[in-house]
């Protein structure tokens, strides 16, 4: 499967641990430029019919083997059918770690529901960046890309979780809401909103 970054990044990054001395998931921000490149890759894979449902969940839903459409691909699909296919379990790392050799401190924390279409997610990101003056080198904490999908380390306490640590350093928070407000039905999103309010971090919805 083609990726828009040099393949040597897959070999250069470490396994469990750090590449640059103190790398942790909370420092795995994905820049706007990298996020746009990821979206282009996903769009290309979907539109050429290369992505298909292979998860056990898709067996139950009757979608197993079906092409994943660009209008419907979500973070669950991205984790299962893209990230885990490119990054193997025996040498696992986060998606951001194949985008950058160095830590990228997130400026913006994004709270969202994994079930929302990624195309809609990107539309909201672009609208936000235009209004908030976000540059191509500014980084977002997006858990799908920041956490190792083979080995998600949530810490021993909520305060040690990558979500809390990333929120503690973020200058802005974005809450992605669809028409039903489904993100607020997710316990992690509720925790993220509580933390945002406690820290009085500027919030955009």
C-alpha atoms as a PDB file:
ATOM      1  CA  UNK A   1       0.000   0.000   0.000  1.00  0.00           C
ATOM      2  CA  UNK A   2       1.590   3.348  -1.020  1.00  0.00           C
ATOM      3  CA  UNK A   3       2.165   5.979   1.661  1.00  0.00           C
ATOM      4  CA  UNK A   4       3.062   9.656   1.126  1.00  0.00           C
ATOM      5  CA  UNK A   5       6.180   9.476   3.307  1.00  0.00           C
ATOM      6  CA  UNK A   6       9.543   7.778   2.910  1.00  0.00           C
ATOM      7  CA  UNK A   7       9.424   4.105   3.856  1.00  0.00           C
ATOM      8  CA  UNK A   8      12.622   4.446   5.902  1.00  0.00           C
ATOM      9  CA  UNK A   9      10.595   6.147   8.619  1.00  0.00           C
ATOM     10  CA  UNK A  10       9.032   2.770   9.351  1.00  0.00           C
ATOM     11  CA  UNK A  11      12.483   1.346  10.039  1.00  0.00           C
ATOM     12  CA  UNK A  12      13.952   4.452  11.664  1.00  0.00           C
ATOM     13  CA  UNK A  13      11.395   4.806  14.406  1.00  0.00           C
ATOM     14  CA  UNK A  14      11.771   2.827  17.592  1.00  0.00           C
ATOM     15  CA  UNK A  15       9.399   0.164  18.840  1.00  0.00           C
ATOM     16  CA  UNK A  16       7.896   0.669  22.312  1.00  0.00           C
ATOM     17  CA  UNK A  17       9.621   3.756  23.690  1.00  0.00           C
ATOM     18  CA  UNK A  18      11.084   6.912  22.233  1.00  0.00           C
ATOM     19  CA  UNK A  19      12.844   7.971  19.066  1.00  0.00           C
ATOM     20  CA  UNK A  20      13.960  11.381  20.245  1.00  0.00           C
ATOM     21  CA  UNK A  21      14.610  10.700  23.920  1.00  0.00           C
ATOM     22  CA  UNK A  22      11.307  11.491  25.598  1.00  0.00           C
ATOM     23  CA  UNK A  23       8.535  10.818  23.101  1.00  0.00           C
ATOM     24  CA  UNK A  24       5.112  10.125  24.582  1.00  0.00           C
ATOM     25  CA  UNK A  25       1.671   9.896  22.888  1.00  0.00           C
ATOM     26  CA  UNK A  26       0.677  13.327  24.214  1.00  0.00           C
ATOM     27  CA  UNK A  27       3.489  14.791  22.064  1.00  0.00           C
ATOM     28  CA  UNK A  28       2.322  13.014  18.924  1.00  0.00           C
ATOM     29  CA  UNK A  29       0.524  15.920  17.343  1.00  0.00           C
ATOM     30  CA  UNK A  30      -0.166  15.636  13.627  1.00  0.00           C
ATOM     31  CA  UNK A  31       0.477  18.846  11.705  1.00  0.00           C
ATOM     32  CA  UNK A  32      -2.139  20.301   9.406  1.00  0.00           C
ATOM     33  CA  UNK A  33       0.090  19.484   6.431  1.00  0.00           C
ATOM     34  CA  UNK A  34       0.485  15.859   7.551  1.00  0.00           C
ATOM     35  CA  UNK A  35      -3.243  15.565   8.209  1.00  0.00           C
ATOM     36  CA  UNK A  36      -4.032  16.838   4.729  1.00  0.00           C
ATOM     37  CA  UNK A  37      -1.574  14.342   3.230  1.00  0.00           C
ATOM     38  CA  UNK A  38      -3.221  11.572   5.221  1.00  0.00           C
ATOM     39  CA  UNK A  39      -6.634  12.637   3.933  1.00  0.00           C
ATOM     40  CA  UNK A  40      -5.332  12.579   0.355  1.00  0.00           C
ATOM     41  CA  UNK A  41      -3.980   9.068   0.875  1.00  0.00           C
ATOM     42  CA  UNK A  42      -7.266   7.837   2.327  1.00  0.00           C
ATOM     43  CA  UNK A  43      -9.294   9.446  -0.439  1.00  0.00           C
ATOM     44  CA  UNK A  44      -7.078   7.846  -3.083  1.00  0.00           C
ATOM     45  CA  UNK A  45      -7.309   4.409  -1.471  1.00  0.00           C
ATOM     46  CA  UNK A  46     -11.086   4.624  -1.210  1.00  0.00           C
ATOM     47  CA  UNK A  47     -11.713   5.983  -4.691  1.00  0.00           C
ATOM     48  CA  UNK A  48      -9.518   3.336  -6.328  1.00  0.00           C
ATOM     49  CA  UNK A  49     -11.351   0.577  -4.466  1.00  0.00           C
ATOM     50  CA  UNK A  50      -8.265  -0.612  -2.568  1.00  0.00           C
ATOM     51  CA  UNK A  51      -9.846  -0.407   0.885  1.00  0.00           C
ATOM     52  CA  UNK A  52     -12.279  -3.112   1.935  1.00  0.00           C
ATOM     53  CA  UNK A  53     -13.894  -4.101   5.209  1.00  0.00           C
ATOM     54  CA  UNK A  54     -12.005  -6.996   6.837  1.00  0.00           C
ATOM     55  CA  UNK A  55     -12.762  -6.575  10.552  1.00  0.00           C
ATOM     56  CA  UNK A  56     -14.797  -8.964  12.662  1.00  0.00           C
ATOM     57  CA  UNK A  57     -17.272  -6.159  13.279  1.00  0.00           C
ATOM     58  CA  UNK A  58     -17.861  -5.895   9.524  1.00  0.00           C
ATOM     59  CA  UNK A  59     -18.771  -9.589   9.443  1.00  0.00           C
ATOM     60  CA  UNK A  60     -21.558  -8.923  11.914  1.00  0.00           C
ATOM     61  CA  UNK A  61     -22.740  -5.854  10.003  1.00  0.00           C
ATOM     62  CA  UNK A  62     -22.717  -7.671   6.656  1.00  0.00           C
ATOM     63  CA  UNK A  63     -20.090  -5.344   5.161  1.00  0.00           C
ATOM     64  CA  UNK A  64     -17.182  -7.795   5.163  1.00  0.00           C
ATOM     65  CA  UNK A  65     -15.336  -7.652   1.835  1.00  0.00           C
ATOM     66  CA  UNK A  66     -17.205  -4.559   0.656  1.00  0.00           C
ATOM     67  CA  UNK A  67     -15.326  -1.511  -0.616  1.00  0.00           C
ATOM     68  CA  UNK A  68     -15.037   1.305   1.924  1.00  0.00           C
ATOM     69  CA  UNK A  69     -16.384   4.496   0.362  1.00  0.00           C
ATOM     70  CA  UNK A  70     -14.679   7.856   0.841  1.00  0.00           C
ATOM     71  CA  UNK A  71     -17.974   9.362   1.985  1.00  0.00           C
ATOM     72  CA  UNK A  72     -18.294   6.778   4.764  1.00  0.00           C
ATOM     73  CA  UNK A  73     -14.815   5.887   5.998  1.00  0.00           C
ATOM     74  CA  UNK A  74     -14.436   6.661   9.696  1.00  0.00           C
ATOM     75  CA  UNK A  75     -11.749   6.440  12.367  1.00  0.00           C
ATOM     76  CA  UNK A  76     -12.624   2.821  13.164  1.00  0.00           C
ATOM     77  CA  UNK A  77     -11.965   1.926   9.513  1.00  0.00           C
ATOM     78  CA  UNK A  78      -8.793   4.021   9.405  1.00  0.00           C
ATOM     79  CA  UNK A  79      -7.381   2.295  12.478  1.00  0.00           C
ATOM     80  CA  UNK A  80      -8.301  -1.221  11.387  1.00  0.00           C
ATOM     81  CA  UNK A  81      -7.880  -1.135   7.619  1.00  0.00           C
ATOM     82  CA  UNK A  82      -5.090   1.406   7.119  1.00  0.00           C
ATOM     83  CA  UNK A  83      -2.951   2.031  10.196  1.00  0.00           C
ATOM     84  CA  UNK A  84      -2.801  -1.610  11.296  1.00  0.00           C
ATOM     85  CA  UNK A  85      -2.131  -2.760   7.736  1.00  0.00           C
ATOM     86  CA  UNK A  86       0.821  -0.384   7.284  1.00  0.00           C
ATOM     87  CA  UNK A  87       2.237  -0.604  10.819  1.00  0.00           C
ATOM     88  CA  UNK A  88       2.667  -4.208  11.936  1.00  0.00           C
ATOM     89  CA  UNK A  89       2.077  -5.299  15.519  1.00  0.00           C
ATOM     90  CA  UNK A  90       5.612  -6.594  16.105  1.00  0.00           C
ATOM     91  CA  UNK A  91       7.060  -3.124  15.408  1.00  0.00           C
ATOM     92  CA  UNK A  92       4.108  -1.038  16.439  1.00  0.00           C
ATOM     93  CA  UNK A  93       4.059   2.735  16.775  1.00  0.00           C
ATOM     94  CA  UNK A  94       1.639   5.575  16.195  1.00  0.00           C
ATOM     95  CA  UNK A  95       0.743   6.930  12.761  1.00  0.00           C
ATOM     96  CA  UNK A  96       2.385  10.237  13.668  1.00  0.00           C
ATOM     97  CA  UNK A  97       5.682   8.425  14.211  1.00  0.00           C
ATOM     98  CA  UNK A  98       5.853   7.511  10.536  1.00  0.00           C
ATOM     99  CA  UNK A  99       5.072  11.125   9.660  1.00  0.00           C
ATOM    100  CA  UNK A 100       7.749  12.711  11.832  1.00  0.00           C
ATOM    101  CA  UNK A 101      11.004  11.638  13.460  1.00  0.00           C
ATOM    102  CA  UNK A 102      10.549  14.218  16.211  1.00  0.00           C
ATOM    103  CA  UNK A 103       7.878  14.946  18.796  1.00  0.00           C
ATOM    104  CA  UNK A 104       5.270  17.471  17.667  1.00  0.00           C
ATOM    105  CA  UNK A 105       3.562  19.222  20.574  1.00  0.00           C
ATOM    106  CA  UNK A 106      -0.148  19.653  19.822  1.00  0.00           C
ATOM    107  CA  UNK A 107      -1.459  23.183  19.699  1.00  0.00           C
ATOM    108  CA  UNK A 108      -5.053  22.020  19.278  1.00  0.00           C
ATOM    109  CA  UNK A 109      -6.793  19.086  20.963  1.00  0.00           C
ATOM    110  CA  UNK A 110      -9.613  17.507  18.944  1.00  0.00           C
ATOM    111  CA  UNK A 111     -12.413  15.715  20.800  1.00  0.00           C
ATOM    112  CA  UNK A 112     -14.566  13.576  18.509  1.00  0.00           C
ATOM    113  CA  UNK A 113     -16.558  10.396  17.938  1.00  0.00           C
ATOM    114  CA  UNK A 114     -14.748   7.739  15.917  1.00  0.00           C
ATOM    115  CA  UNK A 115     -17.968   6.839  14.083  1.00  0.00           C
ATOM    116  CA  UNK A 116     -18.307  10.147  12.237  1.00  0.00           C
ATOM    117  CA  UNK A 117     -17.290  10.155   8.544  1.00  0.00           C
ATOM    118  CA  UNK A 118     -13.667  11.239   8.140  1.00  0.00           C
ATOM    119  CA  UNK A 119     -14.579  13.436   5.173  1.00  0.00           C
ATOM    120  CA  UNK A 120     -16.906  15.432   7.430  1.00  0.00           C
ATOM    121  CA  UNK A 121     -14.164  15.511  10.073  1.00  0.00           C
ATOM    122  CA  UNK A 122     -11.742  17.060   7.588  1.00  0.00           C
ATOM    123  CA  UNK A 123     -14.329  19.579   6.407  1.00  0.00           C
ATOM    124  CA  UNK A 124     -14.747  20.733  10.006  1.00  0.00           C
ATOM    125  CA  UNK A 125     -10.963  20.887  10.500  1.00  0.00           C
ATOM    126  CA  UNK A 126     -10.556  23.070   7.409  1.00  0.00           C
ATOM    127  CA  UNK A 127     -13.337  25.423   8.524  1.00  0.00           C
ATOM    128  CA  UNK A 128     -11.758  25.693  11.953  1.00  0.00           C
ATOM    129  CA  UNK A 129      -8.233  26.307  10.669  1.00  0.00           C
ATOM    130  CA  UNK A 130      -9.452  29.085   8.387  1.00  0.00           C
ATOM    131  CA  UNK A 131     -11.226  30.871  11.234  1.00  0.00           C
ATOM    132  CA  UNK A 132      -8.575  30.248  13.919  1.00  0.00           C
ATOM    133  CA  UNK A 133      -5.505  31.133  11.873  1.00  0.00           C
ATOM    134  CA  UNK A 134      -3.943  27.677  12.149  1.00  0.00           C
ATOM    135  CA  UNK A 135      -0.811  27.198  10.028  1.00  0.00           C
ATOM    136  CA  UNK A 136       0.312  24.107   8.133  1.00  0.00           C
ATOM    137  CA  UNK A 137       2.968  23.365  10.764  1.00  0.00           C
ATOM    138  CA  UNK A 138       0.603  23.655  13.732  1.00  0.00           C
ATOM    139  CA  UNK A 139      -0.218  20.270  15.247  1.00  0.00           C
ATOM    140  CA  UNK A 140      -3.454  18.636  16.374  1.00  0.00           C
ATOM    141  CA  UNK A 141      -3.878  15.894  18.957  1.00  0.00           C
ATOM    142  CA  UNK A 142      -6.104  13.352  17.228  1.00  0.00           C
ATOM    143  CA  UNK A 143      -6.061  10.137  19.234  1.00  0.00           C
ATOM    144  CA  UNK A 144      -6.378   7.811  16.222  1.00  0.00           C
ATOM    145  CA  UNK A 145      -3.082   9.105  14.872  1.00  0.00           C
ATOM    146  CA  UNK A 146      -1.345   9.919  18.183  1.00  0.00           C
ATOM    147  CA  UNK A 147      -1.791   6.577  19.951  1.00  0.00           C
ATOM    148  CA  UNK A 148      -0.211   3.271  18.995  1.00  0.00           C
ATOM    149  CA  UNK A 149      -3.276   1.408  17.714  1.00  0.00           C
ATOM    150  CA  UNK A 150      -1.753  -1.964  18.583  1.00  0.00           C
ATOM    151  CA  UNK A 151      -0.900  -0.936  22.129  1.00  0.00           C
ATOM    152  CA  UNK A 152      -2.906   2.002  23.453  1.00  0.00           C
ATOM    153  CA  UNK A 153      -1.361   3.118  26.751  1.00  0.00           C
ATOM    154  CA  UNK A 154      -3.993   4.945  28.801  1.00  0.00           C
ATOM    155  CA  UNK A 155      -1.797   5.299  31.896  1.00  0.00           C
ATOM    156  CA  UNK A 156      -2.609   4.099  35.395  1.00  0.00           C
ATOM    157  CA  UNK A 157      -4.748   7.144  36.224  1.00  0.00           C
ATOM    158  CA  UNK A 158      -6.827   9.591  34.186  1.00  0.00           C
ATOM    159  CA  UNK A 159      -4.193  12.249  34.853  1.00  0.00           C
ATOM    160  CA  UNK A 160      -1.571   9.988  33.245  1.00  0.00           C
ATOM    161  CA  UNK A 161      -3.651   9.326  30.141  1.00  0.00           C
ATOM    162  CA  UNK A 162      -2.470  10.801  26.824  1.00  0.00           C
ATOM    163  CA  UNK A 163      -5.783  12.656  26.586  1.00  0.00           C
ATOM    164  CA  UNK A 164      -5.285  14.534  29.848  1.00  0.00           C
ATOM    165  CA  UNK A 165      -1.605  15.226  29.154  1.00  0.00           C
ATOM    166  CA  UNK A 166      -2.322  16.521  25.654  1.00  0.00           C
ATOM    167  CA  UNK A 167      -5.188  18.656  26.943  1.00  0.00           C
ATOM    168  CA  UNK A 168      -2.909  20.108  29.610  1.00  0.00           C
ATOM    169  CA  UNK A 169      -0.547  21.443  26.956  1.00  0.00           C
ATOM    170  CA  UNK A 170      -3.066  22.446  24.294  1.00  0.00           C
ATOM    171  CA  UNK A 171      -3.823  26.090  23.583  1.00  0.00           C
ATOM    172  CA  UNK A 172      -7.200  25.356  22.007  1.00  0.00           C
ATOM    173  CA  UNK A 173      -9.780  22.557  22.026  1.00  0.00           C
ATOM    174  CA  UNK A 174     -12.157  21.608  19.230  1.00  0.00           C
ATOM    175  CA  UNK A 175     -15.267  19.516  19.892  1.00  0.00           C
ATOM    176  CA  UNK A 176     -16.601  17.815  16.766  1.00  0.00           C
ATOM    177  CA  UNK A 177     -20.385  17.503  16.906  1.00  0.00           C
ATOM    178  CA  UNK A 178     -22.647  15.890  14.331  1.00  0.00           C
ATOM    179  CA  UNK A 179     -26.402  16.518  14.117  1.00  0.00           C
ATOM    180  CA  UNK A 180     -27.082  14.134  16.994  1.00  0.00           C
ATOM    181  CA  UNK A 181     -24.237  15.334  19.205  1.00  0.00           C
ATOM    182  CA  UNK A 182     -22.962  11.756  19.320  1.00  0.00           C
ATOM    183  CA  UNK A 183     -19.532  12.733  20.658  1.00  0.00           C
ATOM    184  CA  UNK A 184     -21.128  13.633  23.980  1.00  0.00           C
ATOM    185  CA  UNK A 185     -22.341  10.041  24.345  1.00  0.00           C
ATOM    186  CA  UNK A 186     -18.700   8.906  24.549  1.00  0.00           C
ATOM    187  CA  UNK A 187     -17.209   8.790  28.042  1.00  0.00           C
ATOM    188  CA  UNK A 188     -13.767   9.982  26.903  1.00  0.00           C
ATOM    189  CA  UNK A 189     -15.297  13.005  25.164  1.00  0.00           C
ATOM    190  CA  UNK A 190     -17.195  13.894  28.334  1.00  0.00           C
ATOM    191  CA  UNK A 191     -13.942  13.610  30.305  1.00  0.00           C
ATOM    192  CA  UNK A 192     -12.188  15.804  27.740  1.00  0.00           C
ATOM    193  CA  UNK A 193     -14.904  18.462  27.980  1.00  0.00           C
ATOM    194  CA  UNK A 194     -14.776  18.436  31.777  1.00  0.00           C
ATOM    195  CA  UNK A 195     -10.993  18.836  31.682  1.00  0.00           C
ATOM    196  CA  UNK A 196     -11.297  21.642  29.117  1.00  0.00           C
ATOM    197  CA  UNK A 197     -13.738  23.540  31.331  1.00  0.00           C
ATOM    198  CA  UNK A 198     -11.620  22.997  34.444  1.00  0.00           C
ATOM    199  CA  UNK A 199      -8.525  24.327  32.701  1.00  0.00           C
ATOM    200  CA  UNK A 200     -10.503  27.120  30.995  1.00  0.00           C
ATOM    201  CA  UNK A 201      -8.949  26.266  27.638  1.00  0.00           C
ATOM    202  CA  UNK A 202     -10.607  28.093  24.706  1.00  0.00           C
ATOM    203  CA  UNK A 203     -13.194  25.763  23.151  1.00  0.00           C
ATOM    204  CA  UNK A 204     -14.594  25.747  19.610  1.00  0.00           C
ATOM    205  CA  UNK A 205     -17.592  23.613  18.637  1.00  0.00           C
END
